[in-house]
Amino acid sequence: MKLRCAVLDDFQGAALRSADWTPVLDRVEVVSFSEHFGTEDELVAALADMDLVVTLRERVPFPASLFARLPKLKLLVASGMRNSVIDYAAAERHGVTVCGTASSQTPPTELTWALILGLARGLVVENTALRTGGPWQSTVGADLHGRRLGLLGLGKIGSRVARIGQAFGMEVTAWSQNLTRERADEVGVALAGSKEELLASSDVVSVHLALSDRTRGLLGAGELALLKPTAYLVNTSRAAIVDQDALLDALRRGSFAGAAVDVFDIEPLPADHPLRTAPRLLATPHLGYVTRDNYRRYYGEAVEDIQAFLDGSPVRRLG
């Protein structure tokens, strides 16, 4: 009797194409779900007969209540080696092994720059106008060379974004609660004296912080009011770092030039969510990690995790 494995949030139907699953198919039946299950009841209905689950990033929470309702579950594989929405203690109590996979910092770095460039040169507005018979040249682009890029966070992704900014000829400054001058010097960027100084002096502000109690709501109405009228805000990290109501209000009032976001408080974003129609917003549906190479890494290592678990020697354990 084969074990059953669910692959969650396989929106593009890419999971089975992105890796060779044959090493486990003699022991495992794989079921891919392209729809998102937004409630615990929906998840329980879909996963009740599953022994193994592969979940994508941090979109689906696995709290204690869900583990309690999935008595057959034995292995949970999460893409990436850090996941803040899994209750690891509950997983252990219910006898569920949790494993992760590698994840590349390159895709979110590249998407960050796609969004910055898209904002600065009005690419969506101009492309839409060109394809729909609209005006020829309706925007005037913003220069990046010689301008200041302010980074909230200078970790693995933030430091990569910094180096690309330097290649564009931008002055790069950074701030976070734990950032030291030694780390800033190592990357070759200036250390801002405070969060407020960084926000008030930057032409582009990009968020690259992990979500925690200290960073949740880090940018609220007061902080957003510090941005220059010509400044852009980019968030490819976590939605909750920026107060979503304050962001929506600032965009509607036009207090700064525009924002680009790849992350949302609810994912997938509901059809009637106000951010879908917010002015001055370039938005993408959490594409930061979505590339062919990263999917090959996620699902290839998910297969390895499943095989190792079935062989009695789990790898890349989390928790």
C-alpha atoms as a PDB file:
ATOM      1  CA  MET A   1       0.000   0.000   0.000  1.00  0.00           C
ATOM      2  CA  LYS A   2       1.575   3.258  -1.126  1.00  0.00           C
ATOM      3  CA  LEU A   3       1.782   6.290   1.137  1.00  0.00           C
ATOM      4  CA  ARG A   4       0.004   9.396  -0.128  1.00  0.00           C
ATOM      5  CA  CYS A   5       1.820  12.717  -0.570  1.00  0.00           C
ATOM      6  CA  ALA A   6       0.144  16.102  -1.113  1.00  0.00           C
ATOM      7  CA  VAL A   7       1.912  18.993  -2.826  1.00  0.00           C
ATOM      8  CA  LEU A   8       0.249  22.243  -1.802  1.00  0.00           C
ATOM      9  CA  ASP A   9      -0.145  25.485  -3.785  1.00  0.00           C
ATOM     10  CA  ASP A  10       1.213  24.075  -7.028  1.00  0.00           C
ATOM     11  CA  PHE A  11      -0.373  26.973  -8.907  1.00  0.00           C
ATOM     12  CA  GLN A  12       1.539  26.445 -12.159  1.00  0.00           C
ATOM     13  CA  GLY A  13       1.411  22.651 -12.048  1.00  0.00           C
ATOM     14  CA  ALA A  14       5.200  22.776 -11.937  1.00  0.00           C
ATOM     15  CA  ALA A  15       6.049  20.539  -8.977  1.00  0.00           C
ATOM     16  CA  LEU A  16       6.066  17.219 -10.814  1.00  0.00           C
ATOM     17  CA  ARG A  17       7.824  18.726 -13.854  1.00  0.00           C
ATOM     18  CA  SER A  18      10.531  20.445 -11.824  1.00  0.00           C
ATOM     19  CA  ALA A  19      12.073  17.311 -10.314  1.00  0.00           C
ATOM     20  CA  ASP A  20      12.506  13.593 -10.871  1.00  0.00           C
ATOM     21  CA  TRP A  21      10.061  11.926  -8.487  1.00  0.00           C
ATOM     22  CA  THR A  22      10.755   8.379  -9.704  1.00  0.00           C
ATOM     23  CA  PRO A  23      13.004   7.497  -6.717  1.00  0.00           C
ATOM     24  CA  VAL A  24       9.905   7.521  -4.472  1.00  0.00           C
ATOM     25  CA  LEU A  25       7.042   6.635  -6.808  1.00  0.00           C
ATOM     26  CA  ASP A  26       7.276   2.940  -6.016  1.00  0.00           C
ATOM     27  CA  ARG A  27       6.350   3.797  -2.425  1.00  0.00           C
ATOM     28  CA  VAL A  28       4.460   7.089  -2.736  1.00  0.00           C
ATOM     29  CA  GLU A  29       1.433   8.350  -4.639  1.00  0.00           C
ATOM     30  CA  VAL A  30       1.845  12.105  -5.263  1.00  0.00           C
ATOM     31  CA  VAL A  31      -1.212  14.373  -5.480  1.00  0.00           C
ATOM     32  CA  SER A  32      -0.672  17.977  -6.592  1.00  0.00           C
ATOM     33  CA  PHE A  33      -3.158  20.695  -5.615  1.00  0.00           C
ATOM     34  CA  SER A  34      -3.244  23.783  -7.827  1.00  0.00           C
ATOM     35  CA  GLU A  35      -5.873  25.548  -5.716  1.00  0.00           C
ATOM     36  CA  HIS A  36      -5.100  27.267  -2.413  1.00  0.00           C
ATOM     37  CA  PHE A  37      -6.865  26.049   0.721  1.00  0.00           C
ATOM     38  CA  GLY A  38      -7.564  29.174   2.739  1.00  0.00           C
ATOM     39  CA  THR A  39      -9.103  27.669   5.877  1.00  0.00           C
ATOM     40  CA  GLU A  40      -8.130  24.917   8.260  1.00  0.00           C
ATOM     41  CA  ASP A  41     -11.309  23.018   7.456  1.00  0.00           C
ATOM     42  CA  GLU A  42     -10.424  23.053   3.741  1.00  0.00           C
ATOM     43  CA  LEU A  43      -6.928  21.821   4.520  1.00  0.00           C
ATOM     44  CA  VAL A  44      -8.197  19.006   6.715  1.00  0.00           C
ATOM     45  CA  ALA A  45     -10.640  17.897   4.016  1.00  0.00           C
ATOM     46  CA  ALA A  46      -7.852  17.817   1.416  1.00  0.00           C
ATOM     47  CA  LEU A  47      -5.136  16.305   3.614  1.00  0.00           C
ATOM     48  CA  ALA A  48      -7.046  13.875   5.830  1.00  0.00           C
ATOM     49  CA  ASP A  49      -5.747  10.825   3.917  1.00  0.00           C
ATOM     50  CA  MET A  50      -2.224  12.156   3.365  1.00  0.00           C
ATOM     51  CA  ASP A  51       0.837  10.677   5.030  1.00  0.00           C
ATOM     52  CA  LEU A  52       3.261  13.252   3.588  1.00  0.00           C
ATOM     53  CA  VAL A  53       2.829  16.932   2.700  1.00  0.00           C
ATOM     54  CA  VAL A  54       5.050  19.291   0.708  1.00  0.00           C
ATOM     55  CA  THR A  55       4.225  22.935   1.431  1.00  0.00           C
ATOM     56  CA  LEU A  56       5.508  25.977  -0.428  1.00  0.00           C
ATOM     57  CA  ARG A  57       7.257  28.668   1.630  1.00  0.00           C
ATOM     58  CA  GLU A  58       5.188  30.170   4.470  1.00  0.00           C
ATOM     59  CA  ARG A  59       1.827  30.503   2.761  1.00  0.00           C
ATOM     60  CA  VAL A  60       0.078  27.704   4.679  1.00  0.00           C
ATOM     61  CA  PRO A  61       0.266  27.830   8.493  1.00  0.00           C
ATOM     62  CA  PHE A  62       0.609  24.530  10.324  1.00  0.00           C
ATOM     63  CA  PRO A  63      -0.507  25.331  13.893  1.00  0.00           C
ATOM     64  CA  ALA A  64      -1.076  22.819  16.668  1.00  0.00           C
ATOM     65  CA  SER A  65      -4.793  22.626  15.853  1.00  0.00           C
ATOM     66  CA  LEU A  66      -4.067  21.458  12.301  1.00  0.00           C
ATOM     67  CA  PHE A  67      -1.574  18.786  13.364  1.00  0.00           C
ATOM     68  CA  ALA A  68      -4.177  17.486  15.826  1.00  0.00           C
ATOM     69  CA  ARG A  69      -6.661  17.043  12.967  1.00  0.00           C
ATOM     70  CA  LEU A  70      -4.244  15.194  10.667  1.00  0.00           C
ATOM     71  CA  PRO A  71      -3.466  11.973  12.553  1.00  0.00           C
ATOM     72  CA  LYS A  72      -2.081  10.216   9.432  1.00  0.00           C
ATOM     73  CA  LEU A  73       0.526  12.892   8.726  1.00  0.00           C
ATOM     74  CA  LYS A  74       4.081  11.649   9.246  1.00  0.00           C
ATOM     75  CA  LEU A  75       6.285  14.024   7.227  1.00  0.00           C
ATOM     76  CA  LEU A  76       5.993  17.726   6.402  1.00  0.00           C
ATOM     77  CA  VAL A  77       8.472  19.160   3.864  1.00  0.00           C
ATOM     78  CA  ALA A  78       8.713  22.943   3.637  1.00  0.00           C
ATOM     79  CA  SER A  79      10.655  24.748   0.928  1.00  0.00           C
ATOM     80  CA  GLY A  80      13.480  26.744   2.481  1.00  0.00           C
ATOM     81  CA  MET A  81      15.304  26.147   5.747  1.00  0.00           C
ATOM     82  CA  ARG A  82      13.296  28.629   7.818  1.00  0.00           C
ATOM     83  CA  ASN A  83       9.550  28.625   8.314  1.00  0.00           C
ATOM     84  CA  SER A  84       7.786  30.802  10.879  1.00  0.00           C
ATOM     85  CA  VAL A  85       4.265  29.385  10.411  1.00  0.00           C
ATOM     86  CA  ILE A  86       4.948  25.803  11.491  1.00  0.00           C
ATOM     87  CA  ASP A  87       4.429  24.886  15.145  1.00  0.00           C
ATOM     88  CA  TYR A  88       7.454  22.630  15.533  1.00  0.00           C
ATOM     89  CA  ALA A  89       6.628  21.626  19.105  1.00  0.00           C
ATOM     90  CA  ALA A  90       3.169  20.487  18.015  1.00  0.00           C
ATOM     91  CA  ALA A  91       4.669  18.592  15.090  1.00  0.00           C
ATOM     92  CA  GLU A  92       6.947  16.733  17.475  1.00  0.00           C
ATOM     93  CA  ARG A  93       4.081  15.954  19.869  1.00  0.00           C
ATOM     94  CA  HIS A  94       2.083  14.460  17.025  1.00  0.00           C
ATOM     95  CA  GLY A  95       5.016  12.462  15.679  1.00  0.00           C
ATOM     96  CA  VAL A  96       5.474  14.529  12.514  1.00  0.00           C
ATOM     97  CA  THR A  97       8.975  14.974  11.105  1.00  0.00           C
ATOM     98  CA  VAL A  98       9.570  18.392   9.519  1.00  0.00           C
ATOM     99  CA  CYS A  99      12.254  18.856   6.854  1.00  0.00           C
ATOM    100  CA  GLY A 100      13.330  21.734   4.632  1.00  0.00           C
ATOM    101  CA  THR A 101      15.157  22.409   1.400  1.00  0.00           C
ATOM    102  CA  ALA A 102      17.728  24.872   0.162  1.00  0.00           C
ATOM    103  CA  SER A 103      16.551  28.189  -1.283  1.00  0.00           C
ATOM    104  CA  SER A 104      18.498  30.638  -3.417  1.00  0.00           C
ATOM    105  CA  GLN A 105      18.810  34.353  -2.633  1.00  0.00           C
ATOM    106  CA  THR A 106      19.256  35.154  -6.331  1.00  0.00           C
ATOM    107  CA  PRO A 107      15.579  35.102  -7.464  1.00  0.00           C
ATOM    108  CA  PRO A 108      14.271  37.600  -4.867  1.00  0.00           C
ATOM    109  CA  THR A 109      17.290  39.824  -5.495  1.00  0.00           C
ATOM    110  CA  GLU A 110      16.592  39.891  -9.216  1.00  0.00           C
ATOM    111  CA  LEU A 111      12.863  40.499  -8.713  1.00  0.00           C
ATOM    112  CA  THR A 112      13.633  43.391  -6.375  1.00  0.00           C
ATOM    113  CA  TRP A 113      15.548  45.079  -9.167  1.00  0.00           C
ATOM    114  CA  ALA A 114      12.838  44.294 -11.717  1.00  0.00           C
ATOM    115  CA  LEU A 115      10.393  46.131  -9.456  1.00  0.00           C
ATOM    116  CA  ILE A 116      12.727  49.074  -8.837  1.00  0.00           C
ATOM    117  CA  LEU A 117      13.304  49.503 -12.562  1.00  0.00           C
ATOM    118  CA  GLY A 118       9.632  49.000 -13.315  1.00  0.00           C
ATOM    119  CA  LEU A 119       8.719  51.801 -10.924  1.00  0.00           C
ATOM    120  CA  ALA A 120      11.477  54.164 -11.977  1.00  0.00           C
ATOM    121  CA  ARG A 121      10.728  53.909 -15.693  1.00  0.00           C
ATOM    122  CA  GLY A 122       6.941  53.490 -15.551  1.00  0.00           C
ATOM    123  CA  LEU A 123       7.153  50.231 -17.467  1.00  0.00           C
ATOM    124  CA  VAL A 124       3.670  48.924 -16.702  1.00  0.00           C
ATOM    125  CA  VAL A 125       1.988  52.235 -17.527  1.00  0.00           C
ATOM    126  CA  GLU A 126       3.916  52.647 -20.775  1.00  0.00           C
ATOM    127  CA  ASN A 127       3.496  49.017 -21.870  1.00  0.00           C
ATOM    128  CA  THR A 128      -0.244  49.144 -21.200  1.00  0.00           C
ATOM    129  CA  ALA A 129      -0.576  52.387 -23.164  1.00  0.00           C
ATOM    130  CA  LEU A 130       1.422  50.989 -26.083  1.00  0.00           C
ATOM    131  CA  ARG A 131      -0.691  47.839 -26.322  1.00  0.00           C
ATOM    132  CA  THR A 132      -4.061  49.560 -25.920  1.00  0.00           C
ATOM    133  CA  GLY A 133      -3.647  52.564 -28.224  1.00  0.00           C
ATOM    134  CA  GLY A 134      -2.914  54.934 -25.381  1.00  0.00           C
ATOM    135  CA  PRO A 135      -0.637  57.959 -25.407  1.00  0.00           C
ATOM    136  CA  TRP A 136       2.921  57.783 -26.739  1.00  0.00           C
ATOM    137  CA  GLN A 137       5.262  58.571 -23.807  1.00  0.00           C
ATOM    138  CA  SER A 138       3.038  59.551 -20.908  1.00  0.00           C
ATOM    139  CA  THR A 139       5.595  59.284 -18.090  1.00  0.00           C
ATOM    140  CA  VAL A 140       8.980  60.810 -17.344  1.00  0.00           C
ATOM    141  CA  GLY A 141      11.311  58.241 -15.809  1.00  0.00           C
ATOM    142  CA  ALA A 142      13.320  58.661 -12.622  1.00  0.00           C
ATOM    143  CA  ASP A 143      17.117  58.386 -12.778  1.00  0.00           C
ATOM    144  CA  LEU A 144      18.852  55.898 -10.502  1.00  0.00           C
ATOM    145  CA  HIS A 145      22.484  56.855 -11.120  1.00  0.00           C
ATOM    146  CA  GLY A 146      23.590  59.256  -8.424  1.00  0.00           C
ATOM    147  CA  ARG A 147      20.504  58.685  -6.293  1.00  0.00           C
ATOM    148  CA  ARG A 148      20.353  57.081  -2.861  1.00  0.00           C
ATOM    149  CA  LEU A 149      19.204  53.499  -2.282  1.00  0.00           C
ATOM    150  CA  GLY A 150      18.164  52.869   1.319  1.00  0.00           C
ATOM    151  CA  LEU A 151      18.079  49.273   2.489  1.00  0.00           C
ATOM    152  CA  LEU A 152      16.189  48.104   5.550  1.00  0.00           C
ATOM    153  CA  GLY A 153      18.251  45.008   6.238  1.00  0.00           C
ATOM    154  CA  LEU A 154      21.670  44.001   4.951  1.00  0.00           C
ATOM    155  CA  GLY A 155      21.582  40.213   5.129  1.00  0.00           C
ATOM    156  CA  LYS A 156      22.090  37.758   2.288  1.00  0.00           C
ATOM    157  CA  ILE A 157      19.511  39.367   0.010  1.00  0.00           C
ATOM    158  CA  GLY A 158      19.998  42.960   1.126  1.00  0.00           C
ATOM    159  CA  SER A 159      23.740  42.815   0.499  1.00  0.00           C
ATOM    160  CA  ARG A 160      23.168  41.462  -3.025  1.00  0.00           C
ATOM    161  CA  VAL A 161      20.673  44.229  -3.730  1.00  0.00           C
ATOM    162  CA  ALA A 162      23.260  46.717  -2.442  1.00  0.00           C
ATOM    163  CA  ARG A 163      25.953  45.558  -4.851  1.00  0.00           C
ATOM    164  CA  ILE A 164      23.621  45.887  -7.826  1.00  0.00           C
ATOM    165  CA  GLY A 165      22.687  49.388  -6.668  1.00  0.00           C
ATOM    166  CA  GLN A 166      26.361  50.265  -6.578  1.00  0.00           C
ATOM    167  CA  ALA A 167      26.734  48.932 -10.125  1.00  0.00           C
ATOM    168  CA  PHE A 168      23.995  51.373 -11.170  1.00  0.00           C
ATOM    169  CA  GLY A 169      26.020  54.164  -9.620  1.00  0.00           C
ATOM    170  CA  MET A 170      23.726  54.634  -6.646  1.00  0.00           C
ATOM    171  CA  GLU A 171      24.795  55.729  -3.202  1.00  0.00           C
ATOM    172  CA  VAL A 172      23.735  52.901  -0.894  1.00  0.00           C
ATOM    173  CA  THR A 173      22.898  53.232   2.778  1.00  0.00           C
ATOM    174  CA  ALA A 174      21.443  50.628   5.140  1.00  0.00           C
ATOM    175  CA  TRP A 175      19.847  50.271   8.561  1.00  0.00           C
ATOM    176  CA  SER A 176      18.437  47.587  10.805  1.00  0.00           C
ATOM    177  CA  GLN A 177      18.216  47.115  14.543  1.00  0.00           C
ATOM    178  CA  ASN A 178      21.215  44.761  14.534  1.00  0.00           C
ATOM    179  CA  LEU A 179      23.304  46.229  11.726  1.00  0.00           C
ATOM    180  CA  THR A 180      26.854  47.114  12.726  1.00  0.00           C
ATOM    181  CA  ARG A 181      29.302  49.480  11.072  1.00  0.00           C
ATOM    182  CA  GLU A 182      31.620  46.514  10.501  1.00  0.00           C
ATOM    183  CA  ARG A 183      28.954  44.706   8.470  1.00  0.00           C
ATOM    184  CA  ALA A 184      28.117  47.862   6.502  1.00  0.00           C
ATOM    185  CA  ASP A 185      31.811  48.421   5.766  1.00  0.00           C
ATOM    186  CA  GLU A 186      32.153  44.803   4.657  1.00  0.00           C
ATOM    187  CA  VAL A 187      29.463  45.331   2.002  1.00  0.00           C
ATOM    188  CA  GLY A 188      30.746  48.812   1.190  1.00  0.00           C
ATOM    189  CA  VAL A 189      27.643  50.770   2.134  1.00  0.00           C
ATOM    190  CA  ALA A 190      26.998  53.626   4.544  1.00  0.00           C
ATOM    191  CA  LEU A 191      25.347  52.913   7.884  1.00  0.00           C
ATOM    192  CA  ALA A 192      22.331  55.169   8.415  1.00  0.00           C
ATOM    193  CA  GLY A 193      22.152  56.781  11.832  1.00  0.00           C
ATOM    194  CA  SER A 194      18.545  55.729  12.278  1.00  0.00           C
ATOM    195  CA  LYS A 195      15.570  54.259  10.494  1.00  0.00           C
ATOM    196  CA  GLU A 196      14.099  57.747  10.247  1.00  0.00           C
ATOM    197  CA  GLU A 197      17.244  59.142   8.659  1.00  0.00           C
ATOM    198  CA  LEU A 198      17.278  56.384   6.061  1.00  0.00           C
ATOM    199  CA  LEU A 199      13.626  56.900   5.148  1.00  0.00           C
ATOM    200  CA  ALA A 200      13.890  60.677   4.875  1.00  0.00           C
ATOM    201  CA  SER A 201      17.062  60.708   2.784  1.00  0.00           C
ATOM    202  CA  SER A 202      16.549  57.825   0.325  1.00  0.00           C
ATOM    203  CA  ASP A 203      15.188  57.969  -3.212  1.00  0.00           C
ATOM    204  CA  VAL A 204      14.432  54.232  -3.204  1.00  0.00           C
ATOM    205  CA  VAL A 205      13.730  52.289   0.014  1.00  0.00           C
ATOM    206  CA  SER A 206      13.823  48.499  -0.220  1.00  0.00           C
ATOM    207  CA  VAL A 207      12.811  46.143   2.611  1.00  0.00           C
ATOM    208  CA  HIS A 208      14.951  43.050   3.293  1.00  0.00           C
ATOM    209  CA  LEU A 209      14.189  42.073   6.879  1.00  0.00           C
ATOM    210  CA  ALA A 210      12.920  38.868   8.437  1.00  0.00           C
ATOM    211  CA  LEU A 211       9.502  39.144  10.028  1.00  0.00           C
ATOM    212  CA  SER A 212       9.643  39.109  13.821  1.00  0.00           C
ATOM    213  CA  ASP A 213       7.985  40.814  16.772  1.00  0.00           C
ATOM    214  CA  ARG A 214      10.488  43.652  16.358  1.00  0.00           C
ATOM    215  CA  THR A 215       9.903  44.179  12.639  1.00  0.00           C
ATOM    216  CA  ARG A 216       6.145  43.662  12.441  1.00  0.00           C
ATOM    217  CA  GLY A 217       4.623  47.048  11.610  1.00  0.00           C
ATOM    218  CA  LEU A 218       8.092  48.625  11.429  1.00  0.00           C
ATOM    219  CA  LEU A 219       6.862  51.041   8.771  1.00  0.00           C
ATOM    220  CA  GLY A 220       3.622  52.668   9.823  1.00  0.00           C
ATOM    221  CA  ALA A 221       1.921  55.914   8.894  1.00  0.00           C
ATOM    222  CA  GLY A 222       4.544  58.018  10.669  1.00  0.00           C
ATOM    223  CA  GLU A 223       7.438  56.300   8.951  1.00  0.00           C
ATOM    224  CA  LEU A 224       5.829  56.421   5.494  1.00  0.00           C
ATOM    225  CA  ALA A 225       5.245  60.160   5.973  1.00  0.00           C
ATOM    226  CA  LEU A 226       9.023  60.613   6.125  1.00  0.00           C
ATOM    227  CA  LEU A 227       9.536  59.453   2.539  1.00  0.00           C
ATOM    228  CA  LYS A 228      10.340  62.089  -0.073  1.00  0.00           C
ATOM    229  CA  PRO A 229       7.461  62.962  -2.431  1.00  0.00           C
ATOM    230  CA  THR A 230       9.651  61.539  -5.237  1.00  0.00           C
ATOM    231  CA  ALA A 231      10.674  58.365  -3.379  1.00  0.00           C
ATOM    232  CA  TYR A 232       9.754  54.747  -4.115  1.00  0.00           C
ATOM    233  CA  LEU A 233       9.158  51.950  -1.584  1.00  0.00           C
ATOM    234  CA  VAL A 234       9.796  48.298  -2.491  1.00  0.00           C
ATOM    235  CA  ASN A 235       8.874  45.305  -0.338  1.00  0.00           C
ATOM    236  CA  THR A 236       9.806  41.783  -1.431  1.00  0.00           C
ATOM    237  CA  SER A 237      10.279  40.560   2.144  1.00  0.00           C
ATOM    238  CA  ARG A 238       7.124  40.183   4.269  1.00  0.00           C
ATOM    239  CA  ALA A 239       3.936  42.214   4.004  1.00  0.00           C
ATOM    240  CA  ALA A 240       3.487  42.674   7.757  1.00  0.00           C
ATOM    241  CA  ILE A 241       6.706  44.689   8.052  1.00  0.00           C
ATOM    242  CA  VAL A 242       4.794  47.536   6.375  1.00  0.00           C
ATOM    243  CA  ASP A 243       1.443  48.490   7.890  1.00  0.00           C
ATOM    244  CA  GLN A 244      -0.908  47.644   5.026  1.00  0.00           C
ATOM    245  CA  ASP A 245      -3.609  50.190   5.904  1.00  0.00           C
ATOM    246  CA  ALA A 246      -1.007  52.937   6.210  1.00  0.00           C
ATOM    247  CA  LEU A 247       0.517  51.929   2.868  1.00  0.00           C
ATOM    248  CA  LEU A 248      -2.858  51.990   1.128  1.00  0.00           C
ATOM    249  CA  ASP A 249      -3.671  55.394   2.593  1.00  0.00           C
ATOM    250  CA  ALA A 250      -0.293  56.843   1.548  1.00  0.00           C
ATOM    251  CA  LEU A 251      -0.695  55.528  -1.997  1.00  0.00           C
ATOM    252  CA  ARG A 252      -4.168  56.999  -2.298  1.00  0.00           C
ATOM    253  CA  ARG A 253      -2.973  60.369  -1.023  1.00  0.00           C
ATOM    254  CA  GLY A 254       0.143  60.302  -3.204  1.00  0.00           C
ATOM    255  CA  SER A 255       2.426  61.208  -0.321  1.00  0.00           C
ATOM    256  CA  PHE A 256       5.336  59.511  -2.136  1.00  0.00           C
ATOM    257  CA  ALA A 257       5.873  58.572  -5.772  1.00  0.00           C
ATOM    258  CA  GLY A 258       4.933  54.919  -5.643  1.00  0.00           C
ATOM    259  CA  ALA A 259       5.456  51.450  -4.219  1.00  0.00           C
ATOM    260  CA  ALA A 260       6.148  47.960  -5.502  1.00  0.00           C
ATOM    261  CA  VAL A 261       5.177  44.912  -3.460  1.00  0.00           C
ATOM    262  CA  ASP A 262       5.503  41.186  -3.982  1.00  0.00           C
ATOM    263  CA  VAL A 263       4.062  40.125  -0.614  1.00  0.00           C
ATOM    264  CA  PHE A 264       0.616  40.529   0.926  1.00  0.00           C
ATOM    265  CA  ASP A 265      -1.148  40.051   4.238  1.00  0.00           C
ATOM    266  CA  ILE A 266      -3.447  37.489   2.576  1.00  0.00           C
ATOM    267  CA  GLU A 267      -2.183  35.193  -0.160  1.00  0.00           C
ATOM    268  CA  PRO A 268      -3.480  34.611  -2.730  1.00  0.00           C
ATOM    269  CA  LEU A 269      -4.810  38.173  -2.702  1.00  0.00           C
ATOM    270  CA  PRO A 270      -8.649  38.195  -2.752  1.00  0.00           C
ATOM    271  CA  ALA A 271     -10.200  39.545  -5.953  1.00  0.00           C
ATOM    272  CA  ASP A 272     -11.794  42.449  -4.098  1.00  0.00           C
ATOM    273  CA  HIS A 273      -8.719  43.410  -2.043  1.00  0.00           C
ATOM    274  CA  PRO A 274      -8.128  47.189  -2.219  1.00  0.00           C
ATOM    275  CA  LEU A 275      -4.457  46.749  -3.090  1.00  0.00           C
ATOM    276  CA  ARG A 276      -5.513  45.315  -6.450  1.00  0.00           C
ATOM    277  CA  THR A 277      -6.755  48.739  -7.497  1.00  0.00           C
ATOM    278  CA  ALA A 278      -4.497  51.014  -5.445  1.00  0.00           C
ATOM    279  CA  PRO A 279      -2.930  53.897  -7.384  1.00  0.00           C
ATOM    280  CA  ARG A 280       0.855  54.242  -7.733  1.00  0.00           C
ATOM    281  CA  LEU A 281       1.343  50.544  -6.957  1.00  0.00           C
ATOM    282  CA  LEU A 282       3.266  47.942  -8.936  1.00  0.00           C
ATOM    283  CA  ALA A 283       2.272  44.562  -7.526  1.00  0.00           C
ATOM    284  CA  THR A 284       3.319  40.993  -8.324  1.00  0.00           C
ATOM    285  CA  PRO A 285       1.825  37.776  -6.868  1.00  0.00           C
ATOM    286  CA  HIS A 286       4.733  36.712  -4.620  1.00  0.00           C
ATOM    287  CA  LEU A 287       7.088  35.828  -7.458  1.00  0.00           C
ATOM    288  CA  GLY A 288      10.284  36.414  -5.473  1.00  0.00           C
ATOM    289  CA  TYR A 289      11.190  32.735  -5.231  1.00  0.00           C
ATOM    290  CA  VAL A 290       9.406  31.546  -8.403  1.00  0.00           C
ATOM    291  CA  THR A 291      12.097  30.595 -10.931  1.00  0.00           C
ATOM    292  CA  ARG A 292      12.945  27.363 -12.728  1.00  0.00           C
ATOM    293  CA  ASP A 293      16.212  26.829 -10.872  1.00  0.00           C
ATOM    294  CA  ASN A 294      14.645  27.496  -7.487  1.00  0.00           C
ATOM    295  CA  TYR A 295      11.749  25.137  -8.210  1.00  0.00           C
ATOM    296  CA  ARG A 296      14.216  22.445  -9.278  1.00  0.00           C
ATOM    297  CA  ARG A 297      15.962  22.996  -5.960  1.00  0.00           C
ATOM    298  CA  TYR A 298      12.772  22.978  -3.874  1.00  0.00           C
ATOM    299  CA  TYR A 299      11.140  19.930  -5.374  1.00  0.00           C
ATOM    300  CA  GLY A 300      14.346  18.034  -6.082  1.00  0.00           C
ATOM    301  CA  GLU A 301      15.331  18.278  -2.427  1.00  0.00           C
ATOM    302  CA  ALA A 302      11.739  17.547  -1.361  1.00  0.00           C
ATOM    303  CA  VAL A 303      12.088  14.212  -3.164  1.00  0.00           C
ATOM    304  CA  GLU A 304      15.400  13.642  -1.355  1.00  0.00           C
ATOM    305  CA  ASP A 305      13.731  14.485   1.971  1.00  0.00           C
ATOM    306  CA  ILE A 306      10.914  12.006   1.309  1.00  0.00           C
ATOM    307  CA  GLN A 307      13.317   9.276   0.217  1.00  0.00           C
ATOM    308  CA  ALA A 308      15.551   9.779   3.251  1.00  0.00           C
ATOM    309  CA  PHE A 309      12.539   9.745   5.591  1.00  0.00           C
ATOM    310  CA  LEU A 310      11.211   6.527   4.065  1.00  0.00           C
ATOM    311  CA  ASP A 311      14.674   4.996   4.456  1.00  0.00           C
ATOM    312  CA  GLY A 312      14.661   5.925   8.156  1.00  0.00           C
ATOM    313  CA  SER A 313      17.324   8.672   8.038  1.00  0.00           C
ATOM    314  CA  PRO A 314      15.613  12.082   7.674  1.00  0.00           C
ATOM    315  CA  VAL A 315      17.765  14.949   6.314  1.00  0.00           C
ATOM    316  CA  ARG A 316      17.536  18.724   6.584  1.00  0.00           C
ATOM    317  CA  ARG A 317      15.339  18.508   9.665  1.00  0.00           C
ATOM    318  CA  LEU A 318      13.700  21.706  10.927  1.00  0.00           C
ATOM    319  CA  GLY A 319      12.494  22.669  14.386  1.00  0.00           C
END
